[in-house]
Amino acid sequence: MGLLRIDKILSSQNIATRTETKSMIKKGLITVNGELVKRPEEKYDPDTAVINVAGKRVDFKKYLYIMMNKPAGVLSASRDNYTPTVIDLLPDEIKREGLFPAGRLDKDTTGFLLITDDGELAHKMLSPKSHVYKLYEAECDRKLTKQDARKFAEGIVCGDISFLPAEMKITGENKALVEICEGKFHQVKKMFSSVGAEVISLKRLRIGEIFLDESLKQGEFRELTESEIKGILSRKHGI
């Protein structure tokens, strides 16, 4: 990663602002590799340096990868002046500059939302060229049929928008699982609407090969493991 100023390292981890870092240095509260830091502009390699603040080891993370079970009524956005966002649901100790929801879910859609500050991974996950499949559970206002599933499999044209073929598996009279590798605006809802069915509720269950942790209640979250981060970009698919 290269060398970074100690005040930048600590601010990137949401541990202290640059002003707070300067104050702590004066009080002798910051050490790196066992030695007191004397100036905020001193540079270190955050991947290898042993950094302690007030006696507590800093676990440096270049990026954060958070799985959230998004509740309904919350915006998939970094900020909004009128409506609560998914970032607002995070506690202050985990919030840091640059966090954003990767692949937005509609306000009333629930389920697996990835929150990260890794723009490169998010771009790969969202690009149709990457063929990263997402699995949704939909409940509609009418009975679903095999003909509906065939139309999904053939690919759907909705006005001037076309959607790639998608697998749809009927799991109940008016419920189905749908797997897509695109992320167009209101895509799943528009696909159902094109066959005359309106979506009553929609939940994302999986991204890549990683399923939503069902132990997470709506609004709860946890960080992804190393293997899960890799699994997010998996091309594996199939219901």
Protein backbone atom coordinates (compact mmCIF):
# COMPACT_ATOMS: atom_id res chain seq x y z
CA MET A 1 0.00 0.00 0.00
CA GLY A 2 2.95 2.32 0.60
CA LEU A 3 3.69 4.82 3.32
CA LEU A 4 0.98 7.02 4.81
CA ARG A 5 0.99 9.77 7.40
CA ILE A 6 0.00 8.54 10.84
CA ASP A 7 -2.83 11.08 11.06
CA LYS A 8 -4.19 9.87 7.72
CA ILE A 9 -3.97 6.23 8.82
CA LEU A 10 -5.94 6.89 12.00
CA SER A 11 -8.56 9.04 10.27
CA SER A 12 -9.07 6.37 7.58
CA GLN A 13 -9.90 3.87 10.34
CA ASN A 14 -12.31 6.28 12.01
CA ILE A 15 -10.13 6.28 15.14
CA ALA A 16 -9.25 9.96 15.29
CA THR A 17 -9.42 13.10 13.21
CA ARG A 18 -6.17 14.71 12.18
CA THR A 19 -6.63 17.33 14.90
CA GLU A 20 -7.31 14.64 17.50
CA THR A 21 -4.25 12.69 16.34
CA LYS A 22 -2.05 15.75 16.82
CA SER A 23 -3.38 16.18 20.35
CA MET A 24 -2.82 12.52 21.23
CA ILE A 25 0.74 12.67 19.89
CA LYS A 26 1.47 15.58 22.25
CA LYS A 27 0.13 13.48 25.15
CA GLY A 28 2.33 10.53 24.16
CA LEU A 29 -0.62 8.25 23.43
CA ILE A 30 0.46 6.92 20.02
CA THR A 31 3.27 4.44 19.38
CA VAL A 32 4.37 2.71 16.19
CA ASN A 33 6.57 -0.37 16.41
CA GLY A 34 7.09 0.37 20.10
CA GLU A 35 8.29 3.93 19.65
CA LEU A 36 6.46 7.16 20.45
CA VAL A 37 5.24 9.10 17.45
CA LYS A 38 6.48 12.68 17.64
CA ARG A 39 4.87 14.31 14.60
CA PRO A 40 1.55 13.74 12.75
CA GLU A 41 3.35 13.86 9.39
CA GLU A 42 5.52 10.83 10.17
CA LYS A 43 4.84 8.06 7.64
CA TYR A 44 4.43 4.31 8.07
CA ASP A 45 3.28 1.27 6.13
CA PRO A 46 -0.15 0.55 7.67
CA ASP A 47 -0.05 -3.06 6.47
CA THR A 48 3.05 -3.90 8.50
CA ALA A 49 3.39 -1.25 11.23
CA VAL A 50 2.32 -2.12 14.78
CA ILE A 51 0.24 0.90 15.77
CA ASN A 52 -1.09 1.45 19.29
CA VAL A 53 -3.38 4.26 20.40
CA ALA A 54 -3.78 4.75 24.15
CA GLY A 55 -2.49 1.21 24.65
CA LYS A 56 -4.88 -0.39 22.15
CA ARG A 57 -3.63 -2.09 18.98
CA VAL A 58 -5.03 -0.68 15.75
CA ASP A 59 -6.36 -3.37 13.42
CA PHE A 60 -5.83 -1.63 10.07
CA LYS A 61 -8.31 -2.45 7.33
CA LYS A 62 -7.78 -0.95 3.91
CA TYR A 63 -11.43 -1.56 3.02
CA LEU A 64 -14.59 -2.51 4.86
CA TYR A 65 -17.04 -5.09 3.54
CA ILE A 66 -20.33 -5.14 5.42
CA MET A 67 -23.29 -7.46 4.92
CA MET A 68 -26.51 -5.78 6.00
CA ASN A 69 -30.00 -7.23 6.14
CA LYS A 70 -31.63 -4.10 4.77
CA PRO A 71 -35.03 -3.24 6.24
CA ALA A 72 -37.89 -1.70 4.30
CA GLY A 73 -38.33 2.07 4.45
CA VAL A 74 -34.60 2.84 4.41
CA LEU A 75 -32.78 4.28 1.41
CA SER A 76 -29.79 2.55 -0.18
CA ALA A 77 -27.78 5.75 -0.18
CA SER A 78 -24.87 7.31 1.69
CA ARG A 79 -26.89 10.30 2.82
CA ASP A 80 -30.30 11.90 2.45
CA ASN A 81 -31.79 15.02 3.98
CA TYR A 82 -35.24 13.57 4.56
CA THR A 83 -35.17 9.76 4.80
CA PRO A 84 -32.95 7.42 6.88
CA THR A 85 -30.26 5.65 4.88
CA VAL A 86 -28.45 2.36 5.36
CA ILE A 87 -25.34 4.30 6.43
CA ASP A 88 -27.39 5.91 9.20
CA LEU A 89 -27.99 2.40 10.59
CA LEU A 90 -24.27 1.88 11.20
CA PRO A 91 -22.85 2.82 14.62
CA ASP A 92 -20.36 5.69 14.75
CA GLU A 93 -17.45 3.41 15.58
CA ILE A 94 -17.72 1.60 12.23
CA LYS A 95 -18.63 4.54 10.01
CA ARG A 96 -15.81 5.98 7.95
CA GLU A 97 -15.37 8.20 4.95
CA GLY A 98 -16.20 6.64 1.60
CA LEU A 99 -18.66 3.94 2.68
CA PHE A 100 -21.51 3.40 0.22
CA PRO A 101 -24.11 0.74 -0.65
CA ALA A 102 -22.90 -1.34 -3.60
CA GLY A 103 -25.88 -2.20 -5.76
CA ARG A 104 -28.87 -0.35 -4.42
CA LEU A 105 -32.04 -1.99 -3.25
CA ASP A 106 -35.35 -0.13 -3.60
CA LYS A 107 -36.66 1.63 -0.50
CA ASP A 108 -39.22 -1.12 0.13
CA THR A 109 -36.92 -4.02 -0.83
CA THR A 110 -35.20 -5.98 1.96
CA GLY A 111 -32.31 -8.41 2.26
CA PHE A 112 -28.62 -8.64 1.44
CA LEU A 113 -27.00 -5.27 0.84
CA LEU A 114 -23.23 -4.90 0.55
CA ILE A 115 -21.79 -1.74 2.09
CA THR A 116 -18.15 -1.03 1.31
CA ASP A 117 -15.57 1.59 0.44
CA ASP A 118 -13.91 -0.62 -2.17
CA GLY A 119 -15.01 0.99 -5.42
CA GLU A 120 -13.17 -1.50 -7.63
CA LEU A 121 -14.88 -4.53 -6.12
CA ALA A 122 -18.26 -2.81 -6.29
CA HIS A 123 -17.77 -2.03 -9.97
CA LYS A 124 -16.87 -5.63 -10.75
CA MET A 125 -19.84 -6.91 -8.77
CA LEU A 126 -22.29 -4.65 -10.56
CA SER A 127 -20.99 -4.92 -14.12
CA PRO A 128 -23.09 -7.30 -16.29
CA LYS A 129 -19.82 -8.35 -17.95
CA SER A 130 -18.72 -9.93 -14.66
CA HIS A 131 -21.74 -12.27 -14.62
CA VAL A 132 -22.15 -11.98 -10.84
CA TYR A 133 -25.62 -13.37 -10.17
CA LYS A 134 -28.01 -12.09 -7.51
CA LEU A 135 -30.86 -14.17 -6.11
CA TYR A 136 -34.18 -12.62 -5.07
CA GLU A 137 -37.32 -13.91 -3.41
CA ALA A 138 -40.48 -12.27 -4.77
CA GLU A 139 -44.11 -12.36 -3.69
CA CYS A 140 -46.62 -11.25 -6.29
CA ASP A 141 -50.29 -10.28 -6.42
CA ARG A 142 -51.35 -13.29 -8.50
CA LYS A 143 -50.65 -16.95 -9.06
CA LEU A 144 -47.44 -17.51 -11.02
CA THR A 145 -47.28 -19.99 -13.88
CA LYS A 146 -44.78 -22.02 -15.89
CA GLN A 147 -45.48 -19.67 -18.78
CA ASP A 148 -44.19 -16.78 -16.66
CA ALA A 149 -41.03 -18.74 -15.95
CA ARG A 150 -40.56 -19.47 -19.67
CA LYS A 151 -40.84 -15.77 -20.50
CA PHE A 152 -38.17 -14.96 -17.91
CA ALA A 153 -35.93 -17.66 -19.40
CA GLU A 154 -36.34 -16.22 -22.90
CA GLY A 155 -35.43 -12.69 -21.85
CA ILE A 156 -37.91 -9.88 -21.44
CA VAL A 157 -38.42 -6.65 -23.35
CA CYS A 158 -40.19 -3.95 -21.34
CA GLY A 159 -40.79 -0.86 -23.47
CA ASP A 160 -37.41 0.29 -24.72
CA ILE A 161 -35.57 -1.73 -22.06
CA SER A 162 -34.50 -5.34 -22.54
CA PHE A 163 -33.49 -7.77 -19.81
CA LEU A 164 -31.23 -10.76 -20.23
CA PRO A 165 -32.69 -14.24 -19.73
CA ALA A 166 -33.23 -15.00 -16.05
CA GLU A 167 -34.09 -18.14 -14.12
CA MET A 168 -37.36 -18.05 -12.24
CA LYS A 169 -38.40 -20.90 -9.94
CA ILE A 170 -41.94 -20.92 -8.56
CA THR A 171 -41.87 -21.77 -4.84
CA GLY A 172 -45.50 -21.10 -3.92
CA GLU A 173 -48.75 -20.06 -5.53
CA ASN A 174 -47.64 -16.44 -5.80
CA LYS A 175 -43.99 -16.71 -4.77
CA ALA A 176 -40.83 -17.30 -6.77
CA LEU A 177 -37.06 -17.17 -6.70
CA VAL A 178 -35.45 -15.08 -9.45
CA GLU A 179 -31.78 -14.99 -10.38
CA ILE A 180 -30.33 -12.16 -12.48
CA CYS A 181 -26.84 -10.92 -13.37
CA GLU A 182 -27.89 -7.38 -14.25
CA GLY A 183 -28.84 -4.57 -11.93
CA LYS A 184 -31.06 -2.30 -13.94
CA PHE A 185 -33.42 0.12 -12.20
CA HIS A 186 -36.34 -1.75 -10.59
CA GLN A 187 -35.38 -4.73 -12.78
CA VAL A 188 -37.11 -7.61 -10.97
CA LYS A 189 -40.29 -5.58 -10.47
CA LYS A 190 -40.34 -4.54 -14.12
CA MET A 191 -39.82 -8.11 -15.29
CA PHE A 192 -42.80 -9.31 -13.28
CA SER A 193 -44.85 -6.32 -14.38
CA SER A 194 -44.17 -7.22 -18.01
CA VAL A 195 -45.95 -10.56 -17.48
CA GLY A 196 -48.84 -8.92 -15.65
CA ALA A 197 -47.80 -9.60 -12.08
CA GLU A 198 -47.08 -6.90 -9.52
CA VAL A 199 -44.48 -7.49 -6.82
CA ILE A 200 -45.84 -7.19 -3.28
CA SER A 201 -42.54 -7.87 -1.51
CA LEU A 202 -38.98 -8.43 -2.66
CA LYS A 203 -35.93 -9.70 -0.77
CA ARG A 204 -32.37 -10.26 -1.97
CA LEU A 205 -31.02 -13.57 -0.69
CA ARG A 206 -27.63 -13.94 -2.36
CA ILE A 207 -24.82 -12.07 -4.15
CA GLY A 208 -22.36 -14.23 -6.05
CA GLU A 209 -22.19 -17.40 -3.98
CA ILE A 210 -22.70 -15.66 -0.63
CA PHE A 211 -26.11 -15.97 1.01
CA LEU A 212 -27.61 -13.48 3.43
CA ASP A 213 -26.80 -14.51 6.99
CA GLU A 214 -30.26 -15.42 8.23
CA SER A 215 -29.18 -14.78 11.83
CA LEU A 216 -29.15 -11.07 10.99
CA LYS A 217 -32.41 -9.36 11.81
CA GLN A 218 -33.55 -6.53 9.56
CA GLY A 219 -31.26 -3.57 10.11
CA GLU A 220 -28.47 -5.71 11.55
CA PHE A 221 -25.09 -6.23 9.89
CA ARG A 222 -21.70 -7.90 10.16
CA GLU A 223 -18.41 -7.75 8.33
CA LEU A 224 -17.70 -10.31 5.63
CA THR A 225 -14.98 -12.89 6.11
CA GLU A 226 -12.04 -13.10 3.70
CA SER A 227 -13.57 -16.09 1.91
CA GLU A 228 -16.93 -14.32 1.63
CA ILE A 229 -15.29 -11.26 0.06
CA LYS A 230 -13.90 -13.52 -2.66
CA GLY A 231 -17.23 -15.31 -3.02
CA ILE A 232 -19.04 -12.05 -3.77
CA LEU A 233 -17.46 -12.02 -7.24
CA SER A 234 -18.16 -15.68 -7.97
CA ARG A 235 -19.88 -16.48 -11.27
CA LYS A 236 -21.51 -19.55 -9.78
CA HIS A 237 -25.25 -19.54 -10.31
CA GLY A 238 -28.37 -21.65 -10.38
CA ILE A 239 -31.42 -21.89 -8.16
